[in-house]
Amino acid sequence: MNIILLDHIDKVGAKHDVVKVKDGFGRNYLIPQGLGIVANKPNLAKLEGMKKIGSKKEAALIAALKEVAAKLVGAKIKIAAKAGENGRLFGSVTAQHLSNALTEFGVEADKRIIEMPEEVKELGSYTATVKFHPEVEAAVKFEVVNEGGDEVEMDD
């Protein structure tokens, strides 16, 4: 079944692509969810108009997201976490923790668009990537500090 995608779908295709998918996936998921339409002659004829309208909206969206990403340049986010004597955390810092910290900073970022570095299980400085859009990414520097405010001596 050929489908015109109305939104970007990971591992399937980008917005306005004509892709071949299994019949059940197209009929039972993409079309009912509003993520795609059947690629028949009338819909293919409308595709160029949809691309023009979509490109204008996309350009405005990208410009707005670049402004949001610019706020994060040079920003240092602090995340408080409980840590033991040697600087190891009780648990780990996740994308949800960073999402909450970014919200307090004034930037809305869902945890699903945040790519964390390796597992954050110790106090220190880290860098994560926030993928606002396939064309707009921002590196976020964050520091994990002890929740009690006590500085922990690190043994090297």
C-alpha atoms as a PDB file:
ATOM      1  CA  MET A   1       0.000   0.000   0.000  1.00  0.00           C
ATOM      2  CA  ASN A   2       1.378   3.418  -0.951  1.00  0.00           C
ATOM      3  CA  ILE A   3       0.843   6.179   1.599  1.00  0.00           C
ATOM      4  CA  ILE A   4       1.591   9.913   1.584  1.00  0.00           C
ATOM      5  CA  LEU A   5       2.976  10.727   5.027  1.00  0.00           C
ATOM      6  CA  LEU A   6       1.507  13.801   6.699  1.00  0.00           C
ATOM      7  CA  ASP A   7       4.134  13.827   9.460  1.00  0.00           C
ATOM      8  CA  HIS A   8       7.697  12.605   9.974  1.00  0.00           C
ATOM      9  CA  ILE A   9       7.705   9.037  11.282  1.00  0.00           C
ATOM     10  CA  ASP A  10      10.959   7.453  12.428  1.00  0.00           C
ATOM     11  CA  LYS A  11      12.040   4.442  10.367  1.00  0.00           C
ATOM     12  CA  VAL A  12       9.205   5.041   7.861  1.00  0.00           C
ATOM     13  CA  GLY A  13       9.832   8.384   6.174  1.00  0.00           C
ATOM     14  CA  ALA A  14       9.709  12.156   6.241  1.00  0.00           C
ATOM     15  CA  LYS A  15       6.692  14.403   5.922  1.00  0.00           C
ATOM     16  CA  HIS A  16       5.156  14.378   2.394  1.00  0.00           C
ATOM     17  CA  ASP A  17       7.111  11.274   1.323  1.00  0.00           C
ATOM     18  CA  VAL A  18       5.256   8.613  -0.632  1.00  0.00           C
ATOM     19  CA  VAL A  19       6.185   5.336   1.043  1.00  0.00           C
ATOM     20  CA  LYS A  20       5.186   1.722   0.602  1.00  0.00           C
ATOM     21  CA  VAL A  21       3.953   0.186   3.856  1.00  0.00           C
ATOM     22  CA  LYS A  22       2.163  -3.001   4.774  1.00  0.00           C
ATOM     23  CA  ASP A  23      -1.591  -2.795   4.284  1.00  0.00           C
ATOM     24  CA  GLY A  24      -2.427  -3.334   7.963  1.00  0.00           C
ATOM     25  CA  PHE A  25       0.033  -0.657   9.147  1.00  0.00           C
ATOM     26  CA  GLY A  26      -1.413   1.860   6.696  1.00  0.00           C
ATOM     27  CA  ARG A  27      -5.094   1.051   7.225  1.00  0.00           C
ATOM     28  CA  ASN A  28      -5.037   0.400  10.961  1.00  0.00           C
ATOM     29  CA  TYR A  29      -2.491   2.947  12.192  1.00  0.00           C
ATOM     30  CA  LEU A  30      -1.292   5.640   9.779  1.00  0.00           C
ATOM     31  CA  ILE A  31      -4.630   6.645   8.260  1.00  0.00           C
ATOM     32  CA  PRO A  32      -6.760   6.562  11.468  1.00  0.00           C
ATOM     33  CA  GLN A  33      -4.080   8.482  13.405  1.00  0.00           C
ATOM     34  CA  GLY A  34      -3.990  11.186  10.710  1.00  0.00           C
ATOM     35  CA  LEU A  35      -0.342  10.422   9.932  1.00  0.00           C
ATOM     36  CA  GLY A  36      -0.925   9.500   6.303  1.00  0.00           C
ATOM     37  CA  ILE A  37      -3.362   9.375   3.414  1.00  0.00           C
ATOM     38  CA  VAL A  38      -3.702   6.874   0.570  1.00  0.00           C
ATOM     39  CA  ALA A  39      -1.452   7.779  -2.386  1.00  0.00           C
ATOM     40  CA  ASN A  40      -4.126   7.756  -5.106  1.00  0.00           C
ATOM     41  CA  LYS A  41      -4.296  10.107  -8.144  1.00  0.00           C
ATOM     42  CA  PRO A  42      -6.327  12.914  -6.489  1.00  0.00           C
ATOM     43  CA  ASN A  43      -4.135  12.915  -3.373  1.00  0.00           C
ATOM     44  CA  LEU A  44      -0.918  12.815  -5.416  1.00  0.00           C
ATOM     45  CA  ALA A  45      -2.199  15.849  -7.355  1.00  0.00           C
ATOM     46  CA  LYS A  46      -2.721  17.712  -4.044  1.00  0.00           C
ATOM     47  CA  LEU A  47       0.754  16.741  -2.826  1.00  0.00           C
ATOM     48  CA  GLU A  48       2.555  19.694  -4.475  1.00  0.00           C
ATOM     49  CA  GLY A  49       0.168  22.190  -2.867  1.00  0.00           C
ATOM     50  CA  MET A  50       0.597  20.467   0.474  1.00  0.00           C
ATOM     51  CA  LYS A  51       4.391  20.702   0.105  1.00  0.00           C
ATOM     52  CA  LYS A  52       4.263  24.456  -0.598  1.00  0.00           C
ATOM     53  CA  ILE A  53       2.017  25.180   2.382  1.00  0.00           C
ATOM     54  CA  GLY A  54       4.020  22.804   4.547  1.00  0.00           C
ATOM     55  CA  SER A  55       7.350  24.375   3.598  1.00  0.00           C
ATOM     56  CA  LYS A  56       6.164  27.840   4.705  1.00  0.00           C
ATOM     57  CA  LYS A  57       4.923  26.475   8.045  1.00  0.00           C
ATOM     58  CA  GLU A  58       8.093  24.416   8.420  1.00  0.00           C
ATOM     59  CA  ALA A  59      10.307  27.466   7.850  1.00  0.00           C
ATOM     60  CA  ALA A  60       8.435  29.411  10.537  1.00  0.00           C
ATOM     61  CA  LEU A  61       8.660  26.465  12.932  1.00  0.00           C
ATOM     62  CA  ILE A  62      12.400  26.031  12.329  1.00  0.00           C
ATOM     63  CA  ALA A  63      13.004  29.749  12.933  1.00  0.00           C
ATOM     64  CA  ALA A  64      11.104  29.582  16.236  1.00  0.00           C
ATOM     65  CA  LEU A  65      12.948  26.439  17.322  1.00  0.00           C
ATOM     66  CA  LYS A  66      16.320  27.992  16.460  1.00  0.00           C
ATOM     67  CA  GLU A  67      15.482  30.868  18.825  1.00  0.00           C
ATOM     68  CA  VAL A  68      14.696  28.365  21.575  1.00  0.00           C
ATOM     69  CA  ALA A  69      17.929  26.482  20.845  1.00  0.00           C
ATOM     70  CA  ALA A  70      19.870  29.768  20.983  1.00  0.00           C
ATOM     71  CA  LYS A  71      18.696  30.232  24.598  1.00  0.00           C
ATOM     72  CA  LEU A  72      20.537  27.036  25.505  1.00  0.00           C
ATOM     73  CA  VAL A  73      23.890  28.100  24.038  1.00  0.00           C
ATOM     74  CA  GLY A  74      26.213  28.831  26.925  1.00  0.00           C
ATOM     75  CA  ALA A  75      23.588  27.982  29.528  1.00  0.00           C
ATOM     76  CA  LYS A  76      24.682  25.807  32.420  1.00  0.00           C
ATOM     77  CA  ILE A  77      21.867  23.790  33.962  1.00  0.00           C
ATOM     78  CA  LYS A  78      22.281  22.396  37.474  1.00  0.00           C
ATOM     79  CA  ILE A  79      20.550  19.209  38.511  1.00  0.00           C
ATOM     80  CA  ALA A  80      20.560  18.291  42.192  1.00  0.00           C
ATOM     81  CA  ALA A  81      20.759  14.608  43.045  1.00  0.00           C
ATOM     82  CA  LYS A  82      21.495  12.564  46.142  1.00  0.00           C
ATOM     83  CA  ALA A  83      25.042  11.264  46.127  1.00  0.00           C
ATOM     84  CA  GLY A  84      27.168   9.087  48.370  1.00  0.00           C
ATOM     85  CA  GLU A  85      30.528   9.946  49.868  1.00  0.00           C
ATOM     86  CA  ASN A  86      32.527   9.126  46.752  1.00  0.00           C
ATOM     87  CA  GLY A  87      30.352  11.118  44.339  1.00  0.00           C
ATOM     88  CA  ARG A  88      28.273   8.185  43.057  1.00  0.00           C
ATOM     89  CA  LEU A  89      24.572   8.936  42.730  1.00  0.00           C
ATOM     90  CA  PHE A  90      21.810   6.933  44.348  1.00  0.00           C
ATOM     91  CA  GLY A  91      20.171   6.058  41.037  1.00  0.00           C
ATOM     92  CA  SER A  92      20.933   8.084  37.916  1.00  0.00           C
ATOM     93  CA  VAL A  93      20.019  11.324  36.193  1.00  0.00           C
ATOM     94  CA  THR A  94      17.634  10.688  33.293  1.00  0.00           C
ATOM     95  CA  ALA A  95      16.219  12.652  30.382  1.00  0.00           C
ATOM     96  CA  GLN A  96      13.149  13.346  32.530  1.00  0.00           C
ATOM     97  CA  HIS A  97      15.311  15.101  35.154  1.00  0.00           C
ATOM     98  CA  LEU A  98      16.929  17.220  32.440  1.00  0.00           C
ATOM     99  CA  SER A  99      13.522  17.965  30.891  1.00  0.00           C
ATOM    100  CA  ASN A 100      12.256  19.223  34.271  1.00  0.00           C
ATOM    101  CA  ALA A 101      15.388  21.368  34.737  1.00  0.00           C
ATOM    102  CA  LEU A 102      14.979  22.852  31.253  1.00  0.00           C
ATOM    103  CA  THR A 103      11.342  23.686  32.011  1.00  0.00           C
ATOM    104  CA  GLU A 104      12.472  25.615  35.096  1.00  0.00           C
ATOM    105  CA  PHE A 105      15.041  27.354  32.881  1.00  0.00           C
ATOM    106  CA  GLY A 106      12.224  28.425  30.527  1.00  0.00           C
ATOM    107  CA  VAL A 107      12.647  25.940  27.672  1.00  0.00           C
ATOM    108  CA  GLU A 108      10.008  23.281  27.031  1.00  0.00           C
ATOM    109  CA  ALA A 109      11.675  20.036  25.960  1.00  0.00           C
ATOM    110  CA  ASP A 110       9.988  16.661  26.132  1.00  0.00           C
ATOM    111  CA  LYS A 111      12.128  13.843  27.515  1.00  0.00           C
ATOM    112  CA  ARG A 112      11.769  11.931  24.233  1.00  0.00           C
ATOM    113  CA  ILE A 113      13.726  14.544  22.275  1.00  0.00           C
ATOM    114  CA  ILE A 114      16.634  14.603  24.737  1.00  0.00           C
ATOM    115  CA  GLU A 115      19.598  12.375  23.958  1.00  0.00           C
ATOM    116  CA  MET A 116      21.560  11.823  27.124  1.00  0.00           C
ATOM    117  CA  PRO A 117      25.271  11.043  27.119  1.00  0.00           C
ATOM    118  CA  GLU A 118      26.340   7.795  28.724  1.00  0.00           C
ATOM    119  CA  GLU A 119      24.527   6.861  31.928  1.00  0.00           C
ATOM    120  CA  VAL A 120      24.817   9.738  34.385  1.00  0.00           C
ATOM    121  CA  LYS A 121      25.598   8.043  37.694  1.00  0.00           C
ATOM    122  CA  GLU A 122      28.208  10.394  39.182  1.00  0.00           C
ATOM    123  CA  LEU A 123      28.483  14.045  40.113  1.00  0.00           C
ATOM    124  CA  GLY A 124      30.076  16.173  37.412  1.00  0.00           C
ATOM    125  CA  SER A 125      29.526  18.007  34.140  1.00  0.00           C
ATOM    126  CA  TYR A 126      27.869  16.434  31.132  1.00  0.00           C
ATOM    127  CA  THR A 127      26.524  17.435  27.724  1.00  0.00           C
ATOM    128  CA  ALA A 128      23.226  16.209  26.283  1.00  0.00           C
ATOM    129  CA  THR A 129      21.678  16.859  22.878  1.00  0.00           C
ATOM    130  CA  VAL A 130      18.148  18.197  22.498  1.00  0.00           C
ATOM    131  CA  LYS A 131      16.676  17.384  19.078  1.00  0.00           C
ATOM    132  CA  PHE A 132      13.880  19.924  18.659  1.00  0.00           C
ATOM    133  CA  HIS A 133      13.514  19.095  14.955  1.00  0.00           C
ATOM    134  CA  PRO A 134      15.509  17.009  12.447  1.00  0.00           C
ATOM    135  CA  GLU A 135      17.214  20.278  11.413  1.00  0.00           C
ATOM    136  CA  VAL A 136      17.469  21.940  14.849  1.00  0.00           C
ATOM    137  CA  GLU A 137      19.613  20.453  17.603  1.00  0.00           C
ATOM    138  CA  ALA A 138      21.102  22.075  20.675  1.00  0.00           C
ATOM    139  CA  ALA A 139      23.852  20.890  22.980  1.00  0.00           C
ATOM    140  CA  VAL A 140      22.940  21.402  26.630  1.00  0.00           C
ATOM    141  CA  LYS A 141      25.641  21.503  29.253  1.00  0.00           C
ATOM    142  CA  PHE A 142      24.438  20.400  32.642  1.00  0.00           C
ATOM    143  CA  GLU A 143      26.077  19.790  35.963  1.00  0.00           C
ATOM    144  CA  VAL A 144      24.993  17.190  38.469  1.00  0.00           C
ATOM    145  CA  VAL A 145      25.496  18.553  41.979  1.00  0.00           C
ATOM    146  CA  ASN A 146      24.955  17.028  45.400  1.00  0.00           C
ATOM    147  CA  GLU A 147      21.410  17.639  46.642  1.00  0.00           C
ATOM    148  CA  GLY A 148      22.546  18.576  50.143  1.00  0.00           C
ATOM    149  CA  GLY A 149      24.790  21.285  48.739  1.00  0.00           C
ATOM    150  CA  ASP A 150      27.842  19.668  50.320  1.00  0.00           C
ATOM    151  CA  GLU A 151      30.842  19.482  48.070  1.00  0.00           C
ATOM    152  CA  VAL A 152      32.087  15.947  47.759  1.00  0.00           C
ATOM    153  CA  GLU A 153      35.796  15.268  47.461  1.00  0.00           C
ATOM    154  CA  MET A 154      36.481  13.195  44.374  1.00  0.00           C
ATOM    155  CA  ASP A 155      39.204  10.569  44.659  1.00  0.00           C
ATOM    156  CA  ASP A 156      41.116  10.306  41.383  1.00  0.00           C
END
